[in-house]
Amino acid sequence: GRGIAKLREAGIEVTVGVLEDECKALNSRFMTVNTEHR
């Protein structure tokens, strides 16, 4: 969330969550390591 916050603080319009499920599925391994710590 810090990257998004930095962009918005700079006055850039930010849209989040476009094809969110597909984007998460692509990095399912990275997501699991960082959320379930295994």
Full PDB file with SEQRES, HELIX, SHEET, SSBOND, CRYST1, ORIGX, SCALE, CONECT and MASTER records, all heavy atoms in Angstrom:
SEQRES   1 A   38  GLY ARG GLY ILE ALA LYS LEU ARG GLU ALA GLY ILE GLU          
SEQRES   2 A   38  VAL THR VAL GLY VAL LEU GLU ASP GLU CYS LYS ALA LEU          
SEQRES   3 A   38  ASN SER ARG PHE MET THR VAL ASN THR GLU HIS ARG              
HELIX    1 AA1 ARG A    2  GLU A    9  1                                   8    
HELIX    2 AA2 GLU A   20  LEU A   26  1                                   7    
HELIX    3 AA3 SER A   28  GLU A   36  1                                   9    
CRYST1    1.000    1.000    1.000  90.00  90.00  90.00 P 1           1          
ORIGX1      1.000000  0.000000  0.000000        0.00000                         
ORIGX2      0.000000  1.000000  0.000000        0.00000                         
ORIGX3      0.000000  0.000000  1.000000        0.00000                         
SCALE1      1.000000  0.000000  0.000000        0.00000                         
SCALE2      0.000000  1.000000  0.000000        0.00000                         
SCALE3      0.000000  0.000000  1.000000        0.00000                         
ATOM      1  N   GLY A   1       0.789  -1.226   0.000  1.00  0.00           N  
ATOM      2  CA  GLY A   1       0.000   0.000   0.000  1.00  0.00           C  
ATOM      3  C   GLY A   1       0.821   1.276   0.000  1.00  0.00           C  
ATOM      4  O   GLY A   1       0.301   2.359  -0.314  1.00  0.00           O  
ATOM      5  N   ARG A   2       2.080   1.178   0.346  1.00  0.00           N  
ATOM      6  CA  ARG A   2       2.917   2.386   0.428  1.00  0.00           C  
ATOM      7  C   ARG A   2       3.204   2.976  -0.954  1.00  0.00           C  
ATOM      8  O   ARG A   2       3.302   4.196  -1.108  1.00  0.00           O  
ATOM      9  CB  ARG A   2       4.219   2.072   1.159  1.00  0.00           C  
ATOM     10  CG  ARG A   2       4.030   1.730   2.633  1.00  0.00           C  
ATOM     11  CD  ARG A   2       5.367   1.408   3.300  1.00  0.00           C  
ATOM     12  NE  ARG A   2       5.205   1.136   4.734  1.00  0.00           N  
ATOM     13  CZ  ARG A   2       4.895  -0.054   5.235  1.00  0.00           C  
ATOM     14  NH1 ARG A   2       4.698  -1.077   4.417  1.00  0.00           N  
ATOM     15  NH2 ARG A   2       4.757  -0.228   6.540  1.00  0.00           N  
ATOM     16  N   GLY A   3       3.363   2.097  -1.944  1.00  0.00           N  
ATOM     17  CA  GLY A   3       3.595   2.589  -3.303  1.00  0.00           C  
ATOM     18  C   GLY A   3       2.404   3.360  -3.831  1.00  0.00           C  
ATOM     19  O   GLY A   3       2.549   4.434  -4.440  1.00  0.00           O  
ATOM     20  N   ILE A   4       1.205   2.840  -3.587  1.00  0.00           N  
ATOM     21  CA  ILE A   4      -0.023   3.510  -4.011  1.00  0.00           C  
ATOM     22  C   ILE A   4      -0.180   4.843  -3.294  1.00  0.00           C  
ATOM     23  O   ILE A   4      -0.524   5.863  -3.896  1.00  0.00           O  
ATOM     24  CB  ILE A   4      -1.240   2.597  -3.757  1.00  0.00           C  
ATOM     25  CG1 ILE A   4      -1.171   1.364  -4.669  1.00  0.00           C  
ATOM     26  CG2 ILE A   4      -2.551   3.345  -3.972  1.00  0.00           C  
ATOM     27  CD1 ILE A   4      -2.170   0.285  -4.331  1.00  0.00           C  
ATOM     28  N   ALA A   5       0.099   4.848  -1.989  1.00  0.00           N  
ATOM     29  CA  ALA A   5      -0.018   6.082  -1.211  1.00  0.00           C  
ATOM     30  C   ALA A   5       0.949   7.146  -1.719  1.00  0.00           C  
ATOM     31  O   ALA A   5       0.601   8.337  -1.807  1.00  0.00           O  
ATOM     32  CB  ALA A   5       0.247   5.792   0.268  1.00  0.00           C  
ATOM     33  N   LYS A   6       2.162   6.748  -2.068  1.00  0.00           N  
ATOM     34  CA  LYS A   6       3.151   7.705  -2.566  1.00  0.00           C  
ATOM     35  C   LYS A   6       2.701   8.333  -3.882  1.00  0.00           C  
ATOM     36  O   LYS A   6       2.886   9.544  -4.097  1.00  0.00           O  
ATOM     37  CB  LYS A   6       4.502   7.006  -2.739  1.00  0.00           C  
ATOM     38  CG  LYS A   6       5.633   7.929  -3.165  1.00  0.00           C  
ATOM     39  CD  LYS A   6       6.974   7.208  -3.184  1.00  0.00           C  
ATOM     40  CE  LYS A   6       7.486   6.979  -1.775  1.00  0.00           C  
ATOM     41  NZ  LYS A   6       8.901   6.488  -1.784  1.00  0.00           N  
ATOM     42  N   LEU A   7       2.108   7.545  -4.747  1.00  0.00           N  
ATOM     43  CA  LEU A   7       1.612   8.068  -6.019  1.00  0.00           C  
ATOM     44  C   LEU A   7       0.477   9.062  -5.795  1.00  0.00           C  
ATOM     45  O   LEU A   7       0.430  10.130  -6.422  1.00  0.00           O  
ATOM     46  CB  LEU A   7       1.132   6.920  -6.913  1.00  0.00           C  
ATOM     47  CG  LEU A   7       2.195   5.921  -7.382  1.00  0.00           C  
ATOM     48  CD1 LEU A   7       1.546   4.795  -8.172  1.00  0.00           C  
ATOM     49  CD2 LEU A   7       3.266   6.604  -8.220  1.00  0.00           C  
ATOM     50  N   ARG A   8      -0.439   8.722  -4.920  1.00  0.00           N  
ATOM     51  CA  ARG A   8      -1.576   9.613  -4.644  1.00  0.00           C  
ATOM     52  C   ARG A   8      -1.128  10.906  -3.983  1.00  0.00           C  
ATOM     53  O   ARG A   8      -1.672  11.981  -4.250  1.00  0.00           O  
ATOM     54  CB  ARG A   8      -2.612   8.882  -3.790  1.00  0.00           C  
ATOM     55  CG  ARG A   8      -3.402   7.846  -4.595  1.00  0.00           C  
ATOM     56  CD  ARG A   8      -4.359   7.059  -3.750  1.00  0.00           C  
ATOM     57  NE  ARG A   8      -5.240   6.221  -4.576  1.00  0.00           N  
ATOM     58  CZ  ARG A   8      -5.884   5.151  -4.139  1.00  0.00           C  
ATOM     59  NH1 ARG A   8      -5.752   4.777  -2.875  1.00  0.00           N  
ATOM     60  NH2 ARG A   8      -6.656   4.455  -4.955  1.00  0.00           N  
ATOM     61  N   GLU A   9      -0.152  10.812  -3.100  1.00  0.00           N  
ATOM     62  CA  GLU A   9       0.364  12.019  -2.453  1.00  0.00           C  
ATOM     63  C   GLU A   9       0.990  12.968  -3.471  1.00  0.00           C  
ATOM     64  O   GLU A   9       1.008  14.188  -3.265  1.00  0.00           O  
ATOM     65  CB  GLU A   9       1.399  11.634  -1.396  1.00  0.00           C  
ATOM     66  CG  GLU A   9       0.788  11.002  -0.147  1.00  0.00           C  
ATOM     67  CD  GLU A   9       1.835  10.401   0.771  1.00  0.00           C  
ATOM     68  OE1 GLU A   9       3.048  10.527   0.444  1.00  0.00           O  
ATOM     69  OE2 GLU A   9       1.453   9.802   1.795  1.00  0.00           O  
ATOM     70  N   ALA A  10       1.484  12.413  -4.565  1.00  0.00           N  
ATOM     71  CA  ALA A  10       2.082  13.233  -5.625  1.00  0.00           C  
ATOM     72  C   ALA A  10       1.028  13.797  -6.575  1.00  0.00           C  
ATOM     73  O   ALA A  10       1.371  14.474  -7.548  1.00  0.00           O  
ATOM     74  CB  ALA A  10       3.108  12.414  -6.401  1.00  0.00           C  
ATOM     75  N   GLY A  11      -0.247  13.501  -6.319  1.00  0.00           N  
ATOM     76  CA  GLY A  11      -1.326  14.030  -7.148  1.00  0.00           C  
ATOM     77  C   GLY A  11      -1.673  13.178  -8.348  1.00  0.00           C  
ATOM     78  O   GLY A  11      -2.416  13.612  -9.238  1.00  0.00           O  
ATOM     79  N   ILE A  12      -1.152  11.956  -8.381  1.00  0.00           N  
ATOM     80  CA  ILE A  12      -1.448  11.043  -9.491  1.00  0.00           C  
ATOM     81  C   ILE A  12      -2.733  10.281  -9.191  1.00  0.00           C  
ATOM     82  O   ILE A  12      -2.918   9.768  -8.083  1.00  0.00           O  
ATOM     83  CB  ILE A  12      -0.281  10.063  -9.712  1.00  0.00           C  
ATOM     84  CG1 ILE A  12       0.989  10.827 -10.107  1.00  0.00           C  
ATOM     85  CG2 ILE A  12      -0.628   9.036 -10.789  1.00  0.00           C  
ATOM     86  CD1 ILE A  12       2.231   9.961 -10.193  1.00  0.00           C  
ATOM     87  N   GLU A  13      -3.613  10.209 -10.175  1.00  0.00           N  
ATOM     88  CA  GLU A  13      -4.841   9.426 -10.029  1.00  0.00           C  
ATOM     89  C   GLU A  13      -4.496   7.939 -10.070  1.00  0.00           C  
ATOM     90  O   GLU A  13      -3.815   7.481 -10.987  1.00  0.00           O  
ATOM     91  CB  GLU A  13      -5.811   9.769 -11.157  1.00  0.00           C  
ATOM     92  CG  GLU A  13      -7.113   8.978 -11.117  1.00  0.00           C  
ATOM     93  CD  GLU A  13      -7.991   9.214 -12.336  1.00  0.00           C  
ATOM     94  OE1 GLU A  13      -7.703  10.157 -13.112  1.00  0.00           O  
ATOM     95  OE2 GLU A  13      -8.948   8.431 -12.533  1.00  0.00           O  
ATOM     96  N   VAL A  14      -4.959   7.188  -9.079  1.00  0.00           N  
ATOM     97  CA  VAL A  14      -4.631   5.763  -8.984  1.00  0.00           C  
ATOM     98  C   VAL A  14      -5.914   4.939  -8.909  1.00  0.00           C  
ATOM     99  O   VAL A  14      -6.782   5.202  -8.075  1.00  0.00           O  
ATOM    100  CB  VAL A  14      -3.745   5.456  -7.758  1.00  0.00           C  
ATOM    101  CG1 VAL A  14      -3.375   3.970  -7.722  1.00  0.00           C  
ATOM    102  CG2 VAL A  14      -2.484   6.308  -7.766  1.00  0.00           C  
ATOM    103  N   THR A  15      -6.022   3.936  -9.772  1.00  0.00           N  
ATOM    104  CA  THR A  15      -7.130   2.972  -9.753  1.00  0.00           C  
ATOM    105  C   THR A  15      -6.560   1.609  -9.380  1.00  0.00           C  
ATOM    106  O   THR A  15      -5.577   1.164  -9.973  1.00  0.00           O  
ATOM    107  CB  THR A  15      -7.815   2.891 -11.129  1.00  0.00           C  
ATOM    108  OG1 THR A  15      -8.304   4.184 -11.488  1.00  0.00           O  
ATOM    109  CG2 THR A  15      -8.978   1.897 -11.101  1.00  0.00           C  
ATOM    110  N   VAL A  16      -7.160   0.954  -8.396  1.00  0.00           N  
ATOM    111  CA  VAL A  16      -6.636  -0.316  -7.881  1.00  0.00           C  
ATOM    112  C   VAL A  16      -7.690  -1.414  -8.030  1.00  0.00           C  
ATOM    113  O   VAL A  16      -8.880  -1.169  -7.826  1.00  0.00           O  
ATOM    114  CB  VAL A  16      -6.240  -0.191  -6.393  1.00  0.00           C  
ATOM    115  CG1 VAL A  16      -5.635  -1.496  -5.880  1.00  0.00           C  
ATOM    116  CG2 VAL A  16      -5.263   0.956  -6.197  1.00  0.00           C  
ATOM    117  N   GLY A  17      -7.243  -2.626  -8.378  1.00  0.00           N  
ATOM    118  CA  GLY A  17      -8.140  -3.780  -8.380  1.00  0.00           C  
ATOM    119  C   GLY A  17      -8.678  -4.183  -9.736  1.00  0.00           C  
ATOM    120  O   GLY A  17      -9.650  -4.937  -9.815  1.00  0.00           O  
ATOM    121  N   VAL A  18      -8.059  -3.753 -10.819  1.00  0.00           N  
ATOM    122  CA  VAL A  18      -8.490  -4.162 -12.160  1.00  0.00           C  
ATOM    123  C   VAL A  18      -7.924  -5.555 -12.446  1.00  0.00           C  
ATOM    124  O   VAL A  18      -6.708  -5.760 -12.389  1.00  0.00           O  
ATOM    125  CB  VAL A  18      -8.020  -3.154 -13.227  1.00  0.00           C  
ATOM    126  CG1 VAL A  18      -8.389  -3.641 -14.625  1.00  0.00           C  
ATOM    127  CG2 VAL A  18      -8.640  -1.781 -12.960  1.00  0.00           C  
ATOM    128  N   LEU A  19      -8.814  -6.514 -12.717  1.00  0.00           N  
ATOM    129  CA  LEU A  19      -8.439  -7.935 -12.890  1.00  0.00           C  
ATOM    130  C   LEU A  19      -7.622  -8.424 -11.685  1.00  0.00           C  
ATOM    131  O   LEU A  19      -6.619  -9.127 -11.821  1.00  0.00           O  
ATOM    132  CB  LEU A  19      -7.659  -8.143 -14.186  1.00  0.00           C  
ATOM    133  CG  LEU A  19      -8.390  -7.831 -15.498  1.00  0.00           C  
ATOM    134  CD1 LEU A  19      -7.502  -8.196 -16.692  1.00  0.00           C  
ATOM    135  CD2 LEU A  19      -9.707  -8.584 -15.596  1.00  0.00           C  
ATOM    136  N   GLU A  20      -8.092  -8.060 -10.508  1.00  0.00           N  
ATOM    137  CA  GLU A  20      -7.357  -8.362  -9.275  1.00  0.00           C  
ATOM    138  C   GLU A  20      -7.129  -9.856  -9.080  1.00  0.00           C  
ATOM    139  O   GLU A  20      -6.017 -10.289  -8.735  1.00  0.00           O  
ATOM    140  CB  GLU A  20      -8.099  -7.783  -8.079  1.00  0.00           C  
ATOM    141  CG  GLU A  20      -7.391  -7.974  -6.758  1.00  0.00           C  
ATOM    142  CD  GLU A  20      -8.126  -7.304  -5.616  1.00  0.00           C  
ATOM    143  OE1 GLU A  20      -9.320  -6.992  -5.774  1.00  0.00           O  
ATOM    144  OE2 GLU A  20      -7.504  -7.088  -4.558  1.00  0.00           O  
ATOM    145  N   ASP A  21      -8.160 -10.671  -9.267  1.00  0.00           N  
ATOM    146  CA  ASP A  21      -8.018 -12.120  -9.054  1.00  0.00           C  
ATOM    147  C   ASP A  21      -6.986 -12.716 -10.001  1.00  0.00           C  
ATOM    148  O   ASP A  21      -6.172 -13.569  -9.599  1.00  0.00           O  
ATOM    149  CB  ASP A  21      -9.368 -12.814  -9.239  1.00  0.00           C  
ATOM    150  CG  ASP A  21     -10.361 -12.468  -8.138  1.00  0.00           C  
ATOM    151  OD1 ASP A  21      -9.913 -11.991  -7.079  1.00  0.00           O  
ATOM    152  OD2 ASP A  21     -11.575 -12.656  -8.350  1.00  0.00           O  
ATOM    153  N   GLU A  22      -7.011 -12.298 -11.272  1.00  0.00           N  
ATOM    154  CA  GLU A  22      -6.056 -12.813 -12.247  1.00  0.00           C  
ATOM    155  C   GLU A  22      -4.630 -12.398 -11.894  1.00  0.00           C  
ATOM    156  O   GLU A  22      -3.690 -13.186 -12.038  1.00  0.00           O  
ATOM    157  CB  GLU A  22      -6.418 -12.329 -13.654  1.00  0.00           C  
ATOM    158  CG  GLU A  22      -7.685 -12.925 -14.231  1.00  0.00           C  
ATOM    159  CD  GLU A  22      -8.930 -12.128 -13.865  1.00  0.00           C  
ATOM    160  OE1 GLU A  22      -8.894 -11.423 -12.826  1.00  0.00           O  
ATOM    161  OE2 GLU A  22      -9.923 -12.207 -14.603  1.00  0.00           O  
ATOM    162  N   CYS A  23      -4.485 -11.168 -11.423  1.00  0.00           N  
ATOM    163  CA  CYS A  23      -3.152 -10.685 -11.051  1.00  0.00           C  
ATOM    164  C   CYS A  23      -2.614 -11.436  -9.829  1.00  0.00           C  
ATOM    165  O   CYS A  23      -1.418 -11.752  -9.755  1.00  0.00           O  
ATOM    166  CB  CYS A  23      -3.201  -9.185 -10.780  1.00  0.00           C  
ATOM    167  SG  CYS A  23      -3.503  -8.183 -12.261  1.00  0.00           S  
ATOM    168  N   LYS A  24      -3.485 -11.728  -8.876  1.00  0.00           N  
ATOM    169  CA  LYS A  24      -3.055 -12.496  -7.699  1.00  0.00           C  
ATOM    170  C   LYS A  24      -2.711 -13.933  -8.078  1.00  0.00           C  
ATOM    171  O   LYS A  24      -1.732 -14.505  -7.574  1.00  0.00           O  
ATOM    172  CB  LYS A  24      -4.147 -12.483  -6.634  1.00  0.00           C  
ATOM    173  CG  LYS A  24      -4.301 -11.161  -5.913  1.00  0.00           C  
ATOM    174  CD  LYS A  24      -5.379 -11.243  -4.845  1.00  0.00           C  
ATOM    175  CE  LYS A  24      -5.479  -9.945  -4.050  1.00  0.00           C  
ATOM    176  NZ  LYS A  24      -6.537 -10.017  -3.009  1.00  0.00           N  
ATOM    177  N   ALA A  25      -3.525 -14.525  -8.970  1.00  0.00           N  
ATOM    178  CA  ALA A  25      -3.292 -15.913  -9.378  1.00  0.00           C  
ATOM    179  C   ALA A  25      -1.951 -16.062 -10.093  1.00  0.00           C  
ATOM    180  O   ALA A  25      -1.254 -17.075  -9.938  1.00  0.00           O  
ATOM    181  CB  ALA A  25      -4.426 -16.388 -10.274  1.00  0.00           C  
ATOM    182  N   LEU A  26      -1.576 -15.063 -10.883  1.00  0.00           N  
ATOM    183  CA  LEU A  26      -0.297 -15.123 -11.591  1.00  0.00           C  
ATOM    184  C   LEU A  26       0.856 -15.264 -10.614  1.00  0.00           C  
ATOM    185  O   LEU A  26       1.816 -16.008 -10.862  1.00  0.00           O  
ATOM    186  CB  LEU A  26      -0.122 -13.863 -12.447  1.00  0.00           C  
ATOM    187  CG  LEU A  26       1.207 -13.743 -13.184  1.00  0.00           C  
ATOM    188  CD1 LEU A  26       1.275 -14.762 -14.320  1.00  0.00           C  
ATOM    189  CD2 LEU A  26       1.418 -12.333 -13.724  1.00  0.00           C  
ATOM    190  N   ASN A  27       0.786 -14.571  -9.493  1.00  0.00           N  
ATOM    191  CA  ASN A  27       1.847 -14.603  -8.480  1.00  0.00           C  
ATOM    192  C   ASN A  27       1.404 -15.344  -7.225  1.00  0.00           C  
ATOM    193  O   ASN A  27       1.676 -14.908  -6.098  1.00  0.00           O  
ATOM    194  CB  ASN A  27       2.270 -13.173  -8.126  1.00  0.00           C  
ATOM    195  CG  ASN A  27       3.128 -12.536  -9.202  1.00  0.00           C  
ATOM    196  OD1 ASN A  27       4.186 -13.051  -9.560  1.00  0.00           O  
ATOM    197  ND2 ASN A  27       2.670 -11.415  -9.738  1.00  0.00           N  
ATOM    198  N   SER A  28       0.709 -16.460  -7.422  1.00  0.00           N  
ATOM    199  CA  SER A  28       0.184 -17.206  -6.272  1.00  0.00           C  
ATOM    200  C   SER A  28       1.298 -17.664  -5.332  1.00  0.00           C  
ATOM    201  O   SER A  28       1.110 -17.697  -4.108  1.00  0.00           O  
ATOM    202  CB  SER A  28      -0.628 -18.415  -6.757  1.00  0.00           C  
ATOM    203  OG  SER A  28       0.152 -19.216  -7.631  1.00  0.00           O  
ATOM    204  N   ARG A  29       2.459 -18.006  -5.865  1.00  0.00           N  
ATOM    205  CA  ARG A  29       3.573 -18.438  -5.017  1.00  0.00           C  
ATOM    206  C   ARG A  29       4.087 -17.277  -4.165  1.00  0.00           C  
ATOM    207  O   ARG A  29       4.294 -17.417  -2.958  1.00  0.00           O  
ATOM    208  CB  ARG A  29       4.689 -19.010  -5.899  1.00  0.00           C  
ATOM    209  CG  ARG A  29       4.321 -20.365  -6.507  1.00  0.00           C  
ATOM    210  CD  ARG A  29       5.058 -20.629  -7.806  1.00  0.00           C  
ATOM    211  NE  ARG A  29       4.734 -21.949  -8.343  1.00  0.00           N  
ATOM    212  CZ  ARG A  29       3.588 -22.255  -8.956  1.00  0.00           C  
ATOM    213  NH1 ARG A  29       2.649 -21.334  -9.102  1.00  0.00           N  
ATOM    214  NH2 ARG A  29       3.371 -23.480  -9.415  1.00  0.00           N  
ATOM    215  N   PHE A  30       4.287 -16.131  -4.794  1.00  0.00           N  
ATOM    216  CA  PHE A  30       4.741 -14.940  -4.080  1.00  0.00           C  
ATOM    217  C   PHE A  30       3.715 -14.522  -3.033  1.00  0.00           C  
ATOM    218  O   PHE A  30       4.073 -14.135  -1.905  1.00  0.00           O  
ATOM    219  CB  PHE A  30       4.969 -13.820  -5.105  1.00  0.00           C  
ATOM    220  CG  PHE A  30       5.398 -12.515  -4.518  1.00  0.00           C  
ATOM    221  CD1 PHE A  30       6.714 -12.303  -4.127  1.00  0.00           C  
ATOM    222  CD2 PHE A  30       4.495 -11.475  -4.368  1.00  0.00           C  
ATOM    223  CE1 PHE A  30       7.115 -11.078  -3.593  1.00  0.00           C  
ATOM    224  CE2 PHE A  30       4.885 -10.254  -3.837  1.00  0.00           C  
ATOM    225  CZ  PHE A  30       6.203 -10.058  -3.449  1.00  0.00           C  
ATOM    226  N   MET A  31       2.430 -14.595  -3.386  1.00  0.00           N  
ATOM    227  CA  MET A  31       1.369 -14.212  -2.446  1.00  0.00           C  
ATOM    228  C   MET A  31       1.336 -15.144  -1.237  1.00  0.00           C  
ATOM    229  O   MET A  31       1.200 -14.692  -0.092  1.00  0.00           O  
ATOM    230  CB  MET A  31       0.011 -14.242  -3.155  1.00  0.00           C  
ATOM    231  CG  MET A  31      -0.133 -13.271  -4.308  1.00  0.00           C  
ATOM    232  SD  MET A  31      -0.279 -11.571  -3.752  1.00  0.00           S  
ATOM    233  CE  MET A  31      -0.268 -10.683  -5.318  1.00  0.00           C  
ATOM    234  N   THR A  32       1.479 -16.443  -1.464  1.00  0.00           N  
ATOM    235  CA  THR A  32       1.426 -17.413  -0.367  1.00  0.00           C  
ATOM    236  C   THR A  32       2.581 -17.218   0.603  1.00  0.00           C  
ATOM    237  O   THR A  32       2.413 -17.244   1.832  1.00  0.00           O  
ATOM    238  CB  THR A  32       1.434 -18.848  -0.931  1.00  0.00           C  
ATOM    239  OG1 THR A  32       0.302 -19.036  -1.782  1.00  0.00           O  
ATOM    240  CG2 THR A  32       1.402 -19.874   0.186  1.00  0.00           C  
ATOM    241  N   VAL A  33       3.786 -17.029   0.061  1.00  0.00           N  
ATOM    242  CA  VAL A  33       4.963 -16.833   0.915  1.00  0.00           C  
ATOM    243  C   VAL A  33       4.785 -15.624   1.821  1.00  0.00           C  
ATOM    244  O   VAL A  33       5.150 -15.652   3.005  1.00  0.00           O  
ATOM    245  CB  VAL A  33       6.231 -16.691   0.041  1.00  0.00           C  
ATOM    246  CG1 VAL A  33       7.401 -16.165   0.867  1.00  0.00           C  
ATOM    247  CG2 VAL A  33       6.599 -18.021  -0.579  1.00  0.00           C  
ATOM    248  N   ASN A  34       4.201 -14.541   1.281  1.00  0.00           N  
ATOM    249  CA  ASN A  34       4.087 -13.304   2.038  1.00  0.00           C  
ATOM    250  C   ASN A  34       2.850 -13.233   2.927  1.00  0.00           C  
ATOM    251  O   ASN A  34       2.766 -12.356   3.793  1.00  0.00           O  
ATOM    252  CB  ASN A  34       4.099 -12.110   1.082  1.00  0.00           C  
ATOM    253  CG  ASN A  34       5.481 -11.803   0.556  1.00  0.00           C  
ATOM    254  OD1 ASN A  34       6.302 -11.190   1.226  1.00  0.00           O  
ATOM    255  ND2 ASN A  34       5.768 -12.260  -0.666  1.00  0.00           N  
ATOM    256  N   THR A  35       1.893 -14.110   2.721  1.00  0.00           N  
ATOM    257  CA  THR A  35       0.685 -14.091   3.556  1.00  0.00           C  
ATOM    258  C   THR A  35       0.626 -15.269   4.528  1.00  0.00           C  
ATOM    259  O   THR A  35       0.171 -15.123   5.662  1.00  0.00           O  
ATOM    260  CB  THR A  35      -0.582 -14.087   2.686  1.00  0.00           C  
ATOM    261  OG1 THR A  35      -0.576 -15.221   1.800  1.00  0.00           O  
ATOM    262  CG2 THR A  35      -0.662 -12.812   1.851  1.00  0.00           C  
ATOM    263  N   GLU A  36       1.098 -16.452   4.090  1.00  0.00           N  
ATOM    264  CA  GLU A  36       1.040 -17.643   4.949  1.00  0.00           C  
ATOM    265  C   GLU A  36       2.407 -18.050   5.472  1.00  0.00           C  
ATOM    266  O   GLU A  36       2.514 -19.007   6.253  1.00  0.00           O  
ATOM    267  CB  GLU A  36       0.384 -18.801   4.190  1.00  0.00           C  
ATOM    268  CG  GLU A  36      -1.040 -18.476   3.737  1.00  0.00           C  
ATOM    269  CD  GLU A  36      -1.795 -19.696   3.252  1.00  0.00           C  
ATOM    270  OE1 GLU A  36      -1.487 -20.806   3.721  1.00  0.00           O  
ATOM    271  OE2 GLU A  36      -2.689 -19.539   2.409  1.00  0.00           O  
ATOM    272  N   HIS A  37       3.445 -17.392   5.013  1.00  0.00           N  
ATOM    273  CA  HIS A  37       4.813 -17.608   5.505  1.00  0.00           C  
ATOM    274  C   HIS A  37       5.255 -19.075   5.372  1.00  0.00           C  
ATOM    275  O   HIS A  37       5.833 -19.658   6.284  1.00  0.00           O  
ATOM    276  CB  HIS A  37       4.935 -17.134   6.964  1.00  0.00           C  
ATOM    277  CG  HIS A  37       4.451 -15.731   7.157  1.00  0.00           C  
ATOM    278  ND1 HIS A  37       5.093 -14.625   6.635  1.00  0.00           N  
ATOM    279  CD2 HIS A  37       3.340 -15.241   7.789  1.00  0.00           C  
ATOM    280  CE1 HIS A  37       4.434 -13.528   6.939  1.00  0.00           C  
ATOM    281  NE2 HIS A  37       3.362 -13.863   7.631  1.00  0.00           N  
ATOM    282  N   ARG A  38       4.963 -19.605   4.234  1.00  0.00           N  
ATOM    283  CA  ARG A  38       5.410 -20.945   3.854  1.00  0.00           C  
ATOM    284  C   ARG A  38       5.423 -21.015   2.323  1.00  0.00           C  
ATOM    285  O   ARG A  38       4.822 -20.163   1.654  1.00  0.00           O  
ATOM    286  CB  ARG A  38       4.479 -22.024   4.426  1.00  0.00           C  
ATOM    287  CG  ARG A  38       3.056 -21.942   3.887  1.00  0.00           C  
ATOM    288  CD  ARG A  38       2.278 -23.218   4.163  1.00  0.00           C  
ATOM    289  NE  ARG A  38       0.874 -23.145   3.753  1.00  0.00           N  
ATOM    290  CZ  ARG A  38       0.431 -23.274   2.509  1.00  0.00           C  
ATOM    291  NH1 ARG A  38       1.295 -23.457   1.517  1.00  0.00           N  
ATOM    292  NH2 ARG A  38      -0.851 -23.213   2.237  1.00  0.00           N  
TER     293      ARG A  38                                                      
MASTER        0    0    0    3    0    0    0    6  292    1    0    3          
END                                                                             
